[in-house]
């Protein structure tokens, strides 16, 4: 186990954990409902993020030119 700390205190995490202290805190404060997320919702979120990333990239090149 490894010990992580933040402004709220200390927490023990597994040695091989790839996350920091915020993940177990979040899980404790916002427990999962067990409901599955609609795959269309995930696809829509991905499409919006992709559109924002493409637009951001185009804007950066437009400003730099």
PDB file of N, CA and C in Angstrom:
ATOM      1  N   UNK A   1       0.836  -1.179   0.000  1.00  0.00           N
ATOM      2  CA  UNK A   1       0.000   0.000   0.000  1.00  0.00           C
ATOM      3  C   UNK A   1       0.886   1.249   0.000  1.00  0.00           C
ATOM      4  N   UNK A   2       0.392   2.294  -0.641  1.00  0.00           N
ATOM      5  CA  UNK A   2       1.094   3.571  -0.598  1.00  0.00           C
ATOM      6  C   UNK A   2       0.146   4.621  -0.029  1.00  0.00           C
ATOM      7  N   UNK A   3       0.729   5.589   0.625  1.00  0.00           N
ATOM      8  CA  UNK A   3      -0.079   6.627   1.248  1.00  0.00           C
ATOM      9  C   UNK A   3      -0.055   7.887   0.389  1.00  0.00           C
ATOM     10  N   UNK A   4      -1.239   8.394   0.081  1.00  0.00           N
ATOM     11  CA  UNK A   4      -1.383   9.652  -0.648  1.00  0.00           C
ATOM     12  C   UNK A   4      -2.020  10.649   0.291  1.00  0.00           C
ATOM     13  N   UNK A   5      -1.753  11.926   0.079  1.00  0.00           N
ATOM     14  CA  UNK A   5      -2.385  12.932   0.915  1.00  0.00           C
ATOM     15  C   UNK A   5      -2.805  14.128   0.076  1.00  0.00           C
ATOM     16  N   UNK A   6      -3.845  14.809   0.558  1.00  0.00           N
ATOM     17  CA  UNK A   6      -4.295  16.050  -0.042  1.00  0.00           C
ATOM     18  C   UNK A   6      -4.811  16.944   1.078  1.00  0.00           C
ATOM     19  N   UNK A   7      -5.502  18.001   0.720  1.00  0.00           N
ATOM     20  CA  UNK A   7      -5.961  18.953   1.735  1.00  0.00           C
ATOM     21  C   UNK A   7      -7.017  18.361   2.669  1.00  0.00           C
ATOM     22  N   UNK A   8      -7.625  17.243   2.286  1.00  0.00           N
ATOM     23  CA  UNK A   8      -8.638  16.603   3.126  1.00  0.00           C
ATOM     24  C   UNK A   8      -8.069  15.541   4.048  1.00  0.00           C
ATOM     25  N   UNK A   9      -6.837  15.142   3.828  1.00  0.00           N
ATOM     26  CA  UNK A   9      -6.229  14.138   4.690  1.00  0.00           C
ATOM     27  C   UNK A   9      -5.416  13.125   3.917  1.00  0.00           C
ATOM     28  N   UNK A  10      -5.273  11.968   4.529  1.00  0.00           N
ATOM     29  CA  UNK A  10      -4.462  10.886   3.947  1.00  0.00           C
ATOM     30  C   UNK A  10      -5.344   9.700   3.592  1.00  0.00           C
ATOM     31  N   UNK A  11      -4.876   8.914   2.629  1.00  0.00           N
ATOM     32  CA  UNK A  11      -5.617   7.746   2.166  1.00  0.00           C
ATOM     33  C   UNK A  11      -4.602   6.695   1.729  1.00  0.00           C
ATOM     34  N   UNK A  12      -4.868   5.449   2.063  1.00  0.00           N
ATOM     35  CA  UNK A  12      -4.015   4.356   1.601  1.00  0.00           C
ATOM     36  C   UNK A  12      -4.556   3.829   0.282  1.00  0.00           C
ATOM     37  N   UNK A  13      -3.660   3.699  -0.690  1.00  0.00           N
ATOM     38  CA  UNK A  13      -4.010   3.181  -2.006  1.00  0.00           C
ATOM     39  C   UNK A  13      -3.151   1.968  -2.309  1.00  0.00           C
ATOM     40  N   UNK A  14      -3.646   1.062  -3.155  1.00  0.00           N
ATOM     41  CA  UNK A  14      -2.811  -0.074  -3.554  1.00  0.00           C
ATOM     42  C   UNK A  14      -1.521   0.417  -4.211  1.00  0.00           C
ATOM     43  N   UNK A  15      -0.457  -0.285  -4.012  1.00  0.00           N
ATOM     44  CA  UNK A  15       0.853   0.109  -4.539  1.00  0.00           C
ATOM     45  C   UNK A  15       0.837   0.249  -6.059  1.00  0.00           C
ATOM     46  N   UNK A  16       0.079  -0.628  -6.743  1.00  0.00           N
ATOM     47  CA  UNK A  16       0.058  -0.616  -8.206  1.00  0.00           C
ATOM     48  C   UNK A  16      -1.073   0.246  -8.781  1.00  0.00           C
ATOM     49  N   UNK A  17      -1.751   1.032  -7.948  1.00  0.00           N
ATOM     50  CA  UNK A  17      -2.857   1.870  -8.420  1.00  0.00           C
ATOM     51  C   UNK A  17      -2.340   2.919  -9.401  1.00  0.00           C
ATOM     52  N   UNK A  18      -3.072   3.110 -10.497  1.00  0.00           N
ATOM     53  CA  UNK A  18      -2.683   4.104 -11.494  1.00  0.00           C
ATOM     54  C   UNK A  18      -3.438   5.416 -11.281  1.00  0.00           C
ATOM     55  N   UNK A  19      -4.183   5.514 -10.184  1.00  0.00           N
ATOM     56  CA  UNK A  19      -4.930   6.725  -9.867  1.00  0.00           C
ATOM     57  C   UNK A  19      -4.386   7.345  -8.595  1.00  0.00           C
ATOM     58  N   UNK A  20      -4.754   8.606  -8.367  1.00  0.00           N
ATOM     59  CA  UNK A  20      -4.332   9.298  -7.157  1.00  0.00           C
ATOM     60  C   UNK A  20      -5.472   9.316  -6.162  1.00  0.00           C
ATOM     61  N   UNK A  21      -5.344  10.067  -5.129  1.00  0.00           N
ATOM     62  CA  UNK A  21      -6.267  10.066  -4.002  1.00  0.00           C
ATOM     63  C   UNK A  21      -7.689  10.505  -4.391  1.00  0.00           C
ATOM     64  N   UNK A  22      -7.835  11.261  -5.467  1.00  0.00           N
ATOM     65  CA  UNK A  22      -9.140  11.813  -5.817  1.00  0.00           C
ATOM     66  C   UNK A  22     -10.144  10.747  -6.263  1.00  0.00           C
ATOM     67  N   UNK A  23      -9.679   9.683  -6.879  1.00  0.00           N
ATOM     68  CA  UNK A  23     -10.590   8.642  -7.361  1.00  0.00           C
ATOM     69  C   UNK A  23     -11.329   7.936  -6.218  1.00  0.00           C
ATOM     70  N   UNK A  24     -10.642   7.446  -5.181  1.00  0.00           N
ATOM     71  CA  UNK A  24     -11.402   6.808  -4.102  1.00  0.00           C
ATOM     72  C   UNK A  24     -12.270   7.798  -3.322  1.00  0.00           C
ATOM     73  N   UNK A  25     -11.845   9.044  -3.219  1.00  0.00           N
ATOM     74  CA  UNK A  25     -12.680  10.053  -2.553  1.00  0.00           C
ATOM     75  C   UNK A  25     -13.964  10.272  -3.340  1.00  0.00           C
ATOM     76  N   UNK A  26     -13.841  10.371  -4.640  1.00  0.00           N
ATOM     77  CA  UNK A  26     -15.006  10.567  -5.491  1.00  0.00           C
ATOM     78  C   UNK A  26     -15.956   9.372  -5.401  1.00  0.00           C
ATOM     79  N   UNK A  27     -15.408   8.176  -5.428  1.00  0.00           N
ATOM     80  CA  UNK A  27     -16.241   6.971  -5.330  1.00  0.00           C
ATOM     81  C   UNK A  27     -16.991   6.918  -4.004  1.00  0.00           C
ATOM     82  N   UNK A  28     -16.347   7.361  -2.944  1.00  0.00           N
ATOM     83  CA  UNK A  28     -16.992   7.351  -1.624  1.00  0.00           C
ATOM     84  C   UNK A  28     -18.094   8.405  -1.541  1.00  0.00           C
ATOM     85  N   UNK A  29     -17.883   9.552  -2.171  1.00  0.00           N
ATOM     86  CA  UNK A  29     -18.859  10.637  -2.094  1.00  0.00           C
ATOM     87  C   UNK A  29     -19.989  10.524  -3.105  1.00  0.00           C
ATOM     88  N   UNK A  30     -19.736   9.860  -4.212  1.00  0.00           N
ATOM     89  CA  UNK A  30     -20.735   9.718  -5.269  1.00  0.00           C
ATOM     90  C   UNK A  30     -20.847   8.253  -5.674  1.00  0.00           C
ATOM     91  N   UNK A  31     -21.537   7.449  -4.861  1.00  0.00           N
ATOM     92  CA  UNK A  31     -21.624   6.017  -5.166  1.00  0.00           C
ATOM     93  C   UNK A  31     -22.361   5.763  -6.486  1.00  0.00           C
ATOM     94  N   UNK A  32     -21.981   4.698  -7.152  1.00  0.00           N
ATOM     95  CA  UNK A  32     -22.585   4.318  -8.419  1.00  0.00           C
ATOM     96  C   UNK A  32     -24.015   3.848  -8.209  1.00  0.00           C
ATOM     97  N   UNK A  33     -24.892   4.215  -9.135  1.00  0.00           N
ATOM     98  CA  UNK A  33     -26.290   3.800  -9.035  1.00  0.00           C
ATOM     99  C   UNK A  33     -26.485   2.385  -9.576  1.00  0.00           C
ATOM    100  N   UNK A  34     -25.511   1.887 -10.322  1.00  0.00           N
ATOM    101  CA  UNK A  34     -25.655   0.574 -10.930  1.00  0.00           C
ATOM    102  C   UNK A  34     -26.327   0.629 -12.289  1.00  0.00           C
ATOM    103  N   UNK A  35     -26.836   1.806 -12.669  1.00  0.00           N
ATOM    104  CA  UNK A  35     -27.473   1.951 -13.970  1.00  0.00           C
ATOM    105  C   UNK A  35     -26.424   1.993 -15.063  1.00  0.00           C
ATOM    106  N   UNK A  36     -26.723   1.378 -16.178  1.00  0.00           N
ATOM    107  CA  UNK A  36     -25.817   1.406 -17.330  1.00  0.00           C
ATOM    108  C   UNK A  36     -26.062   2.679 -18.127  1.00  0.00           C
ATOM    109  N   UNK A  37     -24.997   3.231 -18.689  1.00  0.00           N
ATOM    110  CA  UNK A  37     -25.120   4.428 -19.513  1.00  0.00           C
ATOM    111  C   UNK A  37     -25.487   4.003 -20.927  1.00  0.00           C
ATOM    112  N   UNK A  38     -26.441   4.706 -21.501  1.00  0.00           N
ATOM    113  CA  UNK A  38     -26.892   4.426 -22.853  1.00  0.00           C
ATOM    114  C   UNK A  38     -25.724   4.620 -23.829  1.00  0.00           C
ATOM    115  N   UNK A  39     -25.424   3.613 -24.651  1.00  0.00           N
ATOM    116  CA  UNK A  39     -24.311   3.729 -25.608  1.00  0.00           C
ATOM    117  C   UNK A  39     -24.452   4.921 -26.559  1.00  0.00           C
ATOM    118  N   UNK A  40     -25.685   5.295 -26.901  1.00  0.00           N
ATOM    119  CA  UNK A  40     -25.896   6.452 -27.771  1.00  0.00           C
ATOM    120  C   UNK A  40     -25.473   7.741 -27.066  1.00  0.00           C
ATOM    121  N   UNK A  41     -25.669   7.805 -25.754  1.00  0.00           N
ATOM    122  CA  UNK A  41     -25.237   8.968 -24.986  1.00  0.00           C
ATOM    123  C   UNK A  41     -23.716   9.081 -25.017  1.00  0.00           C
ATOM    124  N   UNK A  42     -23.035   7.955 -24.838  1.00  0.00           N
ATOM    125  CA  UNK A  42     -21.570   7.946 -24.884  1.00  0.00           C
ATOM    126  C   UNK A  42     -21.085   8.377 -26.262  1.00  0.00           C
ATOM    127  N   UNK A  43     -21.717   7.858 -27.304  1.00  0.00           N
ATOM    128  CA  UNK A  43     -21.336   8.212 -28.673  1.00  0.00           C
ATOM    129  C   UNK A  43     -21.548   9.705 -28.924  1.00  0.00           C
ATOM    130  N   UNK A  44     -22.669  10.241 -28.441  1.00  0.00           N
ATOM    131  CA  UNK A  44     -22.962  11.663 -28.612  1.00  0.00           C
ATOM    132  C   UNK A  44     -21.942  12.520 -27.881  1.00  0.00           C
ATOM    133  N   UNK A  45     -21.581  12.135 -26.653  1.00  0.00           N
ATOM    134  CA  UNK A  45     -20.557  12.878 -25.901  1.00  0.00           C
ATOM    135  C   UNK A  45     -19.230  12.867 -26.648  1.00  0.00           C
ATOM    136  N   UNK A  46     -18.874  11.711 -27.201  1.00  0.00           N
ATOM    137  CA  UNK A  46     -17.629  11.608 -27.963  1.00  0.00           C
ATOM    138  C   UNK A  46     -17.660  12.521 -29.180  1.00  0.00           C
ATOM    139  N   UNK A  47     -18.778  12.531 -29.880  1.00  0.00           N
ATOM    140  CA  UNK A  47     -18.889  13.364 -31.075  1.00  0.00           C
ATOM    141  C   UNK A  47     -18.771  14.850 -30.729  1.00  0.00           C
ATOM    142  N   UNK A  48     -19.369  15.269 -29.605  1.00  0.00           N
ATOM    143  CA  UNK A  48     -19.269  16.673 -29.185  1.00  0.00           C
ATOM    144  C   UNK A  48     -17.837  17.027 -28.794  1.00  0.00           C
ATOM    145  N   UNK A  49     -17.169  16.132 -28.075  1.00  0.00           N
ATOM    146  CA  UNK A  49     -15.776  16.389 -27.685  1.00  0.00           C
ATOM    147  C   UNK A  49     -14.876  16.462 -28.919  1.00  0.00           C
ATOM    148  N   UNK A  50     -15.115  15.580 -29.866  1.00  0.00           N
ATOM    149  CA  UNK A  50     -14.321  15.581 -31.093  1.00  0.00           C
ATOM    150  C   UNK A  50     -14.546  16.875 -31.871  1.00  0.00           C
ATOM    151  N   UNK A  51     -15.801  17.310 -31.984  1.00  0.00           N
ATOM    152  CA  UNK A  51     -16.107  18.548 -32.697  1.00  0.00           C
ATOM    153  C   UNK A  51     -15.436  19.741 -32.013  1.00  0.00           C
ATOM    154  N   UNK A  52     -15.451  19.761 -30.689  1.00  0.00           N
ATOM    155  CA  UNK A  52     -14.808  20.851 -29.949  1.00  0.00           C
ATOM    156  C   UNK A  52     -13.295  20.832 -30.167  1.00  0.00           C
ATOM    157  N   UNK A  53     -12.699  19.652 -30.168  1.00  0.00           N
ATOM    158  CA  UNK A  53     -11.255  19.534 -30.367  1.00  0.00           C
ATOM    159  C   UNK A  53     -10.857  19.969 -31.779  1.00  0.00           C
ATOM    160  N   UNK A  54     -11.620  19.557 -32.769  1.00  0.00           N
ATOM    161  CA  UNK A  54     -11.327  19.935 -34.158  1.00  0.00           C
ATOM    162  C   UNK A  54     -11.460  21.449 -34.320  1.00  0.00           C
ATOM    163  N   UNK A  55     -12.533  22.020 -33.759  1.00  0.00           N
ATOM    164  CA  UNK A  55     -12.746  23.470 -33.841  1.00  0.00           C
ATOM    165  C   UNK A  55     -11.621  24.217 -33.138  1.00  0.00           C
ATOM    166  N   UNK A  56     -11.238  23.759 -31.963  1.00  0.00           N
ATOM    167  CA  UNK A  56     -10.161  24.388 -31.221  1.00  0.00           C
ATOM    168  C   UNK A  56      -8.862  24.364 -32.028  1.00  0.00           C
ATOM    169  N   UNK A  57      -8.570  23.238 -32.637  1.00  0.00           N
ATOM    170  CA  UNK A  57      -7.354  23.110 -33.444  1.00  0.00           C
ATOM    171  C   UNK A  57      -7.392  24.075 -34.630  1.00  0.00           C
ATOM    172  N   UNK A  58      -8.540  24.151 -35.296  1.00  0.00           N
ATOM    173  CA  UNK A  58      -8.672  25.059 -36.445  1.00  0.00           C
ATOM    174  C   UNK A  58      -8.517  26.520 -36.010  1.00  0.00           C
ATOM    175  N   UNK A  59      -9.084  26.850 -34.855  1.00  0.00           N
ATOM    176  CA  UNK A  59      -8.997  28.232 -34.344  1.00  0.00           C
ATOM    177  C   UNK A  59      -7.550  28.587 -33.999  1.00  0.00           C
ATOM    178  N   UNK A  60      -6.820  27.656 -33.439  1.00  0.00           N
ATOM    179  CA  UNK A  60      -5.429  27.928 -33.092  1.00  0.00           C
ATOM    180  C   UNK A  60      -4.602  28.192 -34.353  1.00  0.00           C
ATOM    181  N   UNK A  61      -4.854  27.424 -35.391  1.00  0.00           N
ATOM    182  CA  UNK A  61      -4.111  27.645 -36.638  1.00  0.00           C
ATOM    183  C   UNK A  61      -4.541  28.934 -37.302  1.00  0.00           C
ATOM    184  N   UNK A  62      -5.820  29.303 -37.181  1.00  0.00           N
ATOM    185  CA  UNK A  62      -6.306  30.553 -37.781  1.00  0.00           C
ATOM    186  C   UNK A  62      -5.690  31.753 -37.081  1.00  0.00           C
ATOM    187  N   UNK A  63      -5.541  31.695 -35.776  1.00  0.00           N
ATOM    188  CA  UNK A  63      -4.957  32.800 -35.015  1.00  0.00           C
ATOM    189  C   UNK A  63      -3.462  32.898 -35.300  1.00  0.00           C
ATOM    190  N   UNK A  64      -2.801  31.756 -35.445  1.00  0.00           N
ATOM    191  CA  UNK A  64      -1.358  31.725 -35.665  1.00  0.00           C
ATOM    192  C   UNK A  64      -0.994  32.223 -37.073  1.00  0.00           C
ATOM    193  N   UNK A  65      -1.930  32.131 -38.009  1.00  0.00           N
ATOM    194  CA  UNK A  65      -1.621  32.532 -39.393  1.00  0.00           C
ATOM    195  C   UNK A  65      -1.639  34.017 -39.596  1.00  0.00           C
TER     196      UNK A  65
END
